[in-house]
C-alpha atoms as a PDB file:
ATOM      1  CA  MET A   1      12.973   4.322  36.287  1.00  0.00           C
ATOM      2  CA  ASN A   2      12.356   3.726  32.575  1.00  0.00           C
ATOM      3  CA  ALA A   3      15.576   3.694  30.553  1.00  0.00           C
ATOM      4  CA  PRO A   4      15.421   5.766  27.581  1.00  0.00           C
ATOM      5  CA  VAL A   5      15.129   4.148  23.977  1.00  0.00           C
ATOM      6  CA  PRO A   6      17.987   4.139  22.129  1.00  0.00           C
ATOM      7  CA  PHE A   7      17.594   6.128  19.040  1.00  0.00           C
ATOM      8  CA  SER A   8      16.233   4.243  15.879  1.00  0.00           C
ATOM      9  CA  PRO A   9      16.304   5.514  12.363  1.00  0.00           C
ATOM     10  CA  ALA A  10      13.200   6.693  10.313  1.00  0.00           C
ATOM     11  CA  PRO A  11      11.518   3.947   8.314  1.00  0.00           C
ATOM     12  CA  ILE A  12      12.475   4.310   4.484  1.00  0.00           C
ATOM     13  CA  PRO A  13       9.716   4.999   1.841  1.00  0.00           C
ATOM     14  CA  PRO A  14       8.866   2.646  -0.934  1.00  0.00           C
ATOM     15  CA  ILE A  15      10.260   3.279  -4.358  1.00  0.00           C
ATOM     16  CA  ALA A  16       7.891   3.985  -6.484  1.00  0.00           C
ATOM     17  CA  PRO A  17       7.415   1.925  -9.496  1.00  0.00           C
ATOM     18  CA  MET A  18       8.680   2.869 -13.144  1.00  0.00           C
ATOM     19  CA  PRO A  19       5.558   2.175 -15.502  1.00  0.00           C
ATOM     20  CA  ARG A  20       6.345  -0.006 -18.535  1.00  0.00           C
ATOM     21  CA  GLU A  21       5.346   0.743 -21.673  1.00  0.00           C
ATOM     22  CA  CYS A  22       4.208  -0.990 -24.797  1.00  0.00           C
ATOM     23  CA  ASN A  23       6.241  -0.100 -27.915  1.00  0.00           C
ATOM     24  CA  HIS A  24       3.483   0.074 -30.174  1.00  0.00           C
ATOM     25  CA  THR A  25       5.408   1.469 -33.130  1.00  0.00           C
ATOM     26  CA  LEU A  26       7.623  -1.798 -33.000  1.00  0.00           C
ATOM     27  CA  HIS A  27       4.553  -3.530 -33.048  1.00  0.00           C
ATOM     28  CA  LEU A  28       3.039  -1.873 -35.844  1.00  0.00           C
ATOM     29  CA  ILE A  29       6.183  -2.467 -37.772  1.00  0.00           C
ATOM     30  CA  LEU A  30       6.169  -6.084 -36.700  1.00  0.00           C
ATOM     31  CA  SER A  31       2.751  -6.402 -37.945  1.00  0.00           C
ATOM     32  CA  LEU A  32       3.447  -5.017 -41.256  1.00  0.00           C
ATOM     33  CA  VAL A  33       6.467  -6.922 -41.618  1.00  0.00           C
ATOM     34  CA  THR A  34       4.882 -10.463 -40.846  1.00  0.00           C
ATOM     35  CA  CYS A  35       1.361  -9.531 -43.320  1.00  0.00           C
ATOM     36  CA  GLY A  36      -0.567  -9.113 -40.289  1.00  0.00           C
ATOM     37  CA  PHE A  37       0.070 -12.296 -38.485  1.00  0.00           C
ATOM     38  CA  TRP A  38       1.838  -9.947 -35.600  1.00  0.00           C
ATOM     39  CA  LEU A  39      -1.592  -8.693 -35.089  1.00  0.00           C
ATOM     40  CA  PHE A  40      -2.613 -11.771 -32.804  1.00  0.00           C
ATOM     41  CA  VAL A  41       0.048 -11.080 -30.707  1.00  0.00           C
ATOM     42  CA  TRP A  42       0.048  -7.121 -30.354  1.00  0.00           C
ATOM     43  CA  PRO A  43      -3.080  -7.284 -27.992  1.00  0.00           C
ATOM     44  CA  PHE A  44      -1.571 -10.055 -25.664  1.00  0.00           C
ATOM     45  CA  VAL A  45       1.520  -8.224 -25.140  1.00  0.00           C
ATOM     46  CA  ALA A  46      -0.385  -4.932 -24.493  1.00  0.00           C
ATOM     47  CA  PHE A  47      -2.601  -6.552 -22.171  1.00  0.00           C
ATOM     48  CA  SER A  48       0.474  -8.166 -20.268  1.00  0.00           C
ATOM     49  CA  VAL A  49       2.086  -5.023 -19.768  1.00  0.00           C
ATOM     50  CA  SER A  50      -0.972  -3.123 -18.408  1.00  0.00           C
ATOM     51  CA  SER A  51      -1.617  -5.974 -15.925  1.00  0.00           C
ATOM     52  CA  LYS A  52       2.145  -5.638 -14.716  1.00  0.00           C
ATOM     53  CA  ASN A  53       1.738  -1.851 -14.418  1.00  0.00           C
ATOM     54  CA  LYS A  54      -1.469  -2.337 -12.252  1.00  0.00           C
ATOM     55  CA  SER A  55       0.174  -4.921  -9.918  1.00  0.00           C
ATOM     56  CA  ALA A  56       3.125  -3.048  -9.266  1.00  0.00           C
ATOM     57  CA  GLN A  57       0.828   0.056  -8.200  1.00  0.00           C
ATOM     58  CA  ALA A  58      -1.117  -1.803  -6.217  1.00  0.00           C
ATOM     59  CA  ARG A  59       1.957  -3.473  -4.351  1.00  0.00           C
ATOM     60  CA  TYR A  60       3.368   0.252  -4.219  1.00  0.00           C
ATOM     61  CA  ALA A  61      -0.128   1.297  -2.640  1.00  0.00           C
ATOM     62  CA  ALA A  62       0.170  -1.216   0.048  1.00  0.00           C
ATOM     63  CA  GLU A  63       3.884  -0.772   0.905  1.00  0.00           C
ATOM     64  CA  MET A  64       2.872   3.078   1.071  1.00  0.00           C
ATOM     65  CA  THR A  65       0.123   2.461   3.620  1.00  0.00           C
ATOM     66  CA  ASN A  66       2.315   0.213   5.433  1.00  0.00           C
ATOM     67  CA  TYR A  67       5.411   2.653   5.527  1.00  0.00           C
ATOM     68  CA  GLN A  68       2.975   5.276   6.693  1.00  0.00           C
ATOM     69  CA  ARG A  69       1.613   3.354   9.659  1.00  0.00           C
ATOM     70  CA  GLU A  70       5.662   2.547  10.242  1.00  0.00           C
ATOM     71  CA  TYR A  71       6.468   6.210  10.453  1.00  0.00           C
ATOM     72  CA  ALA A  72       3.814   7.603  12.508  1.00  0.00           C
ATOM     73  CA  LEU A  73       4.729   4.593  15.173  1.00  0.00           C
ATOM     74  CA  TRP A  74       8.388   5.987  14.707  1.00  0.00           C
ATOM     75  CA  ALA A  75       7.260   9.608  14.938  1.00  0.00           C
ATOM     76  CA  GLN A  76       5.194   8.718  18.045  1.00  0.00           C
ATOM     77  CA  SER A  77       8.296   6.967  19.624  1.00  0.00           C
ATOM     78  CA  GLN A  78      10.724   9.848  18.930  1.00  0.00           C
ATOM     79  CA  GLY A  79       8.643  12.441  20.410  1.00  0.00           C
ATOM     80  CA  SER A  80       8.130  10.129  23.703  1.00  0.00           C
ATOM     81  CA  GLN A  81      12.046  10.512  24.028  1.00  0.00           C
ATOM     82  CA  ARG A  82      12.306  14.059  24.308  1.00  0.00           C
END
């Protein structure tokens, strides 16, 4: 006889990342205060924030795919116990 499988909790879904934002108002003020010297830094900061957001979204998409697969396996195992 097959022994019943003990109850297992459902997988926990991943948490969606909070997008970061570049504070353009601050960079504009810094550019004015430094007589335009901050204009050379601003694009690099904006690009850095954008690339971090894209990588966080890609990581979340991969984690969500993994979660969906794990949840389907979990649901299937829960259905077989009944």
